[in-house]
Protein backbone atom coordinates (compact mmCIF):
# COMPACT_ATOMS: atom_id res chain seq x y z
CA MET A 1 -11.82 -9.42 15.11
CA ASN A 2 -11.39 -11.20 18.03
CA ASN A 3 -8.97 -13.41 16.67
CA VAL A 4 -6.74 -11.20 16.00
CA VAL A 5 -3.94 -9.93 18.39
CA ILE A 6 -1.86 -6.31 17.26
CA LEU A 7 1.08 -5.58 19.17
CA PRO A 8 4.29 -3.04 18.40
CA LEU A 9 7.36 -4.45 16.42
CA THR A 10 9.37 -1.05 15.52
CA ALA A 11 8.59 2.61 15.22
CA GLU A 12 7.36 1.65 12.17
CA LYS A 13 6.10 -1.62 12.68
CA GLU A 14 3.08 -3.28 14.34
CA LEU A 15 3.17 -7.43 14.68
CA VAL A 16 -0.21 -8.88 13.11
CA ILE A 17 -0.83 -12.54 14.73
CA ALA A 18 -4.00 -14.33 13.83
CA SER A 19 -4.94 -17.95 14.86
CA ASP A 20 -7.82 -20.70 14.04
CA ASN A 21 -8.28 -24.19 15.24
CA SER A 22 -9.67 -27.60 14.05
CA GLY A 23 -10.79 -30.62 16.31
CA GLY A 24 -12.62 -33.55 14.83
CA ILE A 25 -12.39 -32.68 12.30
CA GLY A 26 -10.17 -35.03 9.20
CA GLU A 27 -9.42 -38.91 8.96
CA LYS A 28 -9.39 -40.53 11.94
CA ARG A 29 -12.73 -43.30 13.07
CA HIS A 30 -13.83 -40.99 15.45
CA ASP A 31 -14.20 -37.24 14.02
CA ALA A 32 -17.27 -35.75 13.52
CA VAL A 33 -16.70 -34.91 9.98
CA GLY A 34 -14.91 -37.52 7.36
CA THR A 35 -12.40 -35.09 5.45
CA SER A 36 -8.62 -35.44 3.90
CA ASN A 37 -5.89 -33.75 6.31
CA THR A 38 -5.03 -31.18 3.28
CA VAL A 39 -8.71 -29.94 3.71
CA VAL A 40 -8.18 -29.16 7.41
CA GLY A 41 -5.09 -27.77 6.89
CA ARG A 42 -5.77 -25.29 4.08
CA PHE A 43 -8.82 -24.20 5.34
CA ALA A 44 -6.95 -23.85 9.01
CA CYS A 45 -4.31 -21.40 7.04
CA ARG A 46 -6.89 -19.70 5.30
CA VAL A 47 -8.72 -18.57 7.94
CA ALA A 48 -6.39 -17.27 9.88
CA VAL A 49 -4.72 -15.55 6.67
CA MET A 50 -7.96 -13.94 6.09
CA GLU A 51 -7.64 -12.58 9.38
CA CYS A 52 -4.18 -11.20 8.91
CA LEU A 53 -5.47 -9.82 5.94
CA ALA A 54 -8.38 -7.75 6.90
CA ALA A 55 -5.88 -6.38 9.93
CA GLY A 56 -3.86 -4.99 7.14
CA GLY A 57 -1.25 -7.41 7.69
CA ALA A 58 1.08 -8.92 5.26
CA VAL A 59 1.40 -12.73 5.95
CA GLN A 60 5.34 -13.91 7.60
CA ALA A 61 5.00 -16.94 8.34
CA VAL A 62 2.56 -19.88 9.84
CA VAL A 63 3.05 -21.77 12.63
CA MET A 64 1.14 -25.33 13.08
CA GLN A 65 0.42 -27.12 16.63
CA ASN A 66 -0.26 -30.89 15.57
CA PHE A 67 -2.43 -32.70 17.80
CA THR A 68 -3.40 -35.92 15.33
CA SER A 69 -0.22 -38.01 14.53
CA ASP A 70 3.04 -37.08 13.01
CA GLU A 71 1.90 -38.93 9.63
CA ALA A 72 -0.86 -36.28 9.70
CA TRP A 73 1.78 -32.98 9.80
CA LEU A 74 3.07 -33.13 5.73
CA ASP A 75 -1.09 -33.20 4.51
CA TYR A 76 -1.95 -30.12 6.89
CA LYS A 77 1.30 -27.98 5.60
CA HIS A 78 0.39 -29.11 2.24
CA GLY A 79 -2.76 -27.85 2.75
CA ALA A 80 -0.88 -24.51 3.94
CA GLU A 81 1.11 -24.41 0.75
CA GLN A 82 -1.70 -24.20 -0.71
CA VAL A 83 -3.45 -20.96 0.52
CA LEU A 84 0.21 -19.83 0.58
CA ASP A 85 0.98 -20.27 -3.29
CA GLU A 86 -2.65 -18.60 -3.86
CA LEU A 87 -1.70 -16.02 -2.84
CA ASP A 88 1.71 -16.37 -4.63
CA LEU A 89 3.47 -16.01 -0.76
CA ALA A 90 4.91 -19.88 -1.77
CA GLU A 91 8.34 -18.74 -0.08
CA LEU A 92 6.71 -18.06 3.86
CA PRO A 93 8.03 -19.93 6.26
CA ILE A 94 5.98 -22.93 7.68
CA THR A 95 7.18 -25.00 11.22
CA GLY A 96 5.49 -25.94 14.39
CA SER A 97 5.80 -28.64 16.28
CA THR A 98 3.20 -32.41 16.33
CA GLU A 99 1.94 -34.27 19.89
CA SER A 100 3.06 -37.48 18.86
CA ASN A 101 3.54 -39.27 22.67
CA PHE A 102 -0.22 -39.77 23.57
CA PRO A 103 -2.31 -40.59 20.51
CA GLY A 104 -6.14 -38.36 20.59
CA LEU A 105 -9.25 -40.67 19.39
CA GLN A 106 -10.42 -36.97 17.07
CA SER A 107 -7.91 -35.51 14.92
CA GLY A 108 -6.45 -31.98 16.14
CA LEU A 109 -4.78 -28.60 14.80
CA GLY A 110 -4.42 -25.02 15.96
CA LEU A 111 -2.63 -22.42 13.00
CA THR A 112 -1.30 -19.29 13.93
CA VAL A 113 -0.22 -16.60 10.65
CA ILE A 114 2.15 -13.94 12.09
CA GLY A 115 2.64 -10.74 10.08
CA THR A 116 3.18 -7.47 9.73
CA ARG A 117 1.88 -3.49 8.72
CA SER A 118 2.82 0.00 9.39
CA ILE A 119 1.32 1.10 12.78
CA ARG A 120 -1.76 3.63 12.11
CA LYS A 121 -4.87 5.30 13.36
CA THR A 122 -8.01 2.92 13.98
CA SER A 123 -10.88 4.32 12.11
CA ASP A 124 -14.65 4.24 13.73
CA PHE A 125 -17.17 3.34 10.51
CA SER A 126 -18.94 7.17 9.95
CA GLY A 127 -22.44 5.69 9.84
CA GLN A 128 -22.18 6.29 5.88
CA GLU A 129 -20.58 2.90 5.02
CA ALA A 130 -23.44 0.35 3.23
CA PHE A 131 -22.43 -3.72 3.80
CA ALA A 132 -22.67 -6.39 2.02
CA VAL A 133 -21.62 -10.48 2.01
CA ILE A 134 -19.52 -11.79 0.47
CA GLY A 135 -20.20 -16.24 -0.12
CA THR A 136 -22.49 -18.09 1.44
CA PRO A 137 -22.28 -19.42 5.36
CA LEU A 138 -21.52 -22.60 5.14
CA VAL A 139 -20.54 -24.77 8.16
CA GLY A 140 -19.47 -28.89 8.70
CA GLN A 141 -20.41 -30.88 5.69
CA ASP A 142 -22.05 -27.99 3.74
CA VAL A 143 -18.08 -27.00 2.69
CA LEU A 144 -17.75 -30.09 1.47
CA GLU A 145 -20.53 -30.14 -0.88
CA GLN A 146 -21.04 -26.53 -1.04
CA PRO A 147 -17.45 -25.69 -2.91
CA GLU A 148 -19.43 -23.15 -5.81
CA LYS A 149 -20.67 -20.95 -2.41
CA VAL A 150 -17.24 -21.01 -0.59
CA ALA A 151 -15.76 -17.37 -1.16
CA PRO A 152 -12.40 -17.36 -2.96
CA LEU A 153 -9.66 -16.15 -0.95
CA TRP A 154 -8.25 -14.23 -4.18
CA LEU A 155 -11.86 -12.05 -4.10
CA PHE A 156 -11.08 -11.49 -0.46
CA GLN A 157 -7.60 -9.92 -1.48
CA HIS A 158 -8.36 -8.38 -4.17
CA LEU A 159 -11.42 -6.80 -2.28
CA SER A 160 -9.09 -6.06 0.34
CA ARG A 161 -6.45 -3.48 -1.79
CA LEU A 162 -9.45 -1.51 -2.94
CA GLU A 163 -9.42 1.78 -1.57
CA THR A 164 -13.64 1.67 -1.81
CA VAL A 165 -13.79 -1.24 0.45
CA LYS A 166 -12.96 0.64 3.80
CA ALA A 167 -12.80 -2.74 5.67
CA LEU A 168 -13.37 -6.79 5.82
CA LEU A 169 -14.06 -8.96 8.34
CA PRO A 170 -14.65 -12.69 7.87
CA ILE A 171 -17.45 -14.76 9.83
CA GLY A 172 -17.01 -17.40 12.24
CA SER A 173 -18.94 -19.88 13.76
CA LYS A 174 -21.33 -17.39 15.88
CA GLY A 175 -22.80 -15.92 12.45
CA VAL A 176 -22.55 -12.87 10.41
CA ALA A 177 -25.52 -10.69 12.74
CA ALA A 178 -23.47 -11.09 15.92
CA ALA A 179 -20.46 -10.63 13.61
CA TRP A 180 -21.91 -7.28 12.46
CA ARG A 181 -23.00 -6.29 15.48
CA ASN A 182 -19.82 -6.72 17.29
CA TRP A 183 -18.01 -5.07 14.48
CA THR A 184 -20.13 -1.90 14.20
CA GLN A 185 -21.19 -1.63 17.52
CA ARG A 186 -24.89 -1.08 16.39
CA THR A 187 -28.01 -2.91 16.85
CA ASN A 188 -29.62 -3.06 13.92
CA GLN A 189 -31.80 -5.73 12.45
CA LEU A 190 -30.48 -6.38 9.48
CA ASP A 191 -31.93 -7.52 5.77
CA CYS A 192 -30.28 -10.24 3.75
CA VAL A 193 -30.87 -13.07 1.40
CA LEU A 194 -28.36 -15.35 3.62
CA ASP A 195 -29.15 -17.41 7.03
CA LEU A 196 -27.49 -13.88 9.04
CA GLU A 197 -27.44 -17.24 12.23
CA LYS A 198 -26.00 -19.28 11.06
CA SER A 199 -22.37 -19.87 11.35
CA ALA A 200 -19.64 -19.70 8.14
CA GLY A 201 -17.41 -22.50 9.87
CA PRO A 202 -14.30 -21.45 8.04
CA ALA A 203 -15.09 -18.34 6.58
CA THR A 204 -16.83 -19.31 4.43
CA CYS A 205 -17.59 -15.85 3.87
CA PHE A 206 -17.12 -12.38 4.85
CA LEU A 207 -18.49 -8.72 5.19
CA ILE A 208 -17.40 -5.34 3.36
CA ALA A 209 -17.68 -1.93 4.78
CA PHE A 210 -17.95 0.63 1.11
CA ASP A 211 -18.30 3.67 0.13
CA LYS A 212 -22.45 4.01 -0.76
CA GLY A 213 -21.69 4.74 -4.27
CA ASN A 214 -19.71 1.80 -5.62
CA GLU A 215 -21.93 -0.88 -5.17
CA THR A 216 -22.51 -1.21 -8.84
CA LYS A 217 -18.36 -2.12 -9.82
CA LEU A 218 -18.22 -4.28 -6.30
CA ARG A 219 -20.96 -6.38 -7.45
CA GLU A 220 -19.41 -6.99 -11.21
CA ILE A 221 -16.00 -7.67 -9.22
CA ALA A 222 -17.57 -10.66 -7.00
CA GLY A 223 -20.65 -11.90 -9.02
CA SER A 224 -22.78 -14.63 -7.47
CA TYR A 225 -20.57 -14.20 -3.76
CA PHE A 226 -22.05 -10.42 -3.24
CA HIS A 227 -25.17 -10.29 -1.63
CA ARG A 228 -26.36 -7.11 0.24
CA LEU A 229 -26.70 -6.49 4.05
CA ILE A 230 -29.02 -3.78 4.99
CA PRO A 231 -29.52 -2.60 8.50
CA VAL A 232 -32.95 -2.12 8.43
CA ASP A 233 -32.75 1.17 10.01
CA ASP A 234 -31.00 2.85 7.90
CA ASP A 235 -32.33 5.52 5.06
CA GLU A 236 -32.35 3.45 2.32
CA SER A 237 -33.84 0.36 3.63
């Protein structure tokens, strides 16, 4: 997770800092993708929250850097609040700053989530895990036109709490294949019904590593969002 930094906090706790940004997406005439600032705020917050949860963090605060306009602030905040509401975290603070001296031609938002977690040892993959992609890689206008293929945030949270799920990884602009290889430090070719090279934009899908014997249960939980990912050099391929 390249967008996450873990820092020492106390003898028992660590800080988890995750971030996301959006440029040229919003309500301005020169934006590459036109949508509401609320939607932009929601997806930026969603990505950073997913990164924090995937690292085992509990979200504590949201910080926004608004480069669009003073008027955009409340809409961005409303989008972030939608994410927090979905996770029953509506009481958490949202703060930040707006660039109001020099207006830009395109919209811009940076968003950081600050979380905490108990100190823990990191563990490498054992080689016995199975993998799946939850959701579908989407980017740009596809995100707005195919919302039924975007992995729900509640599902990400639910899977992150299951003992049978060993790890999760939100997918970004480099696509599933690049993310999986960086994550596992393996070079296998991959078999999946999805386009593994396509950008997943604002984390419209995510990877899970899980115990091989629990695939049926996870398929039941994730439904149509579940897409098995098979390293072709594995025995099961």
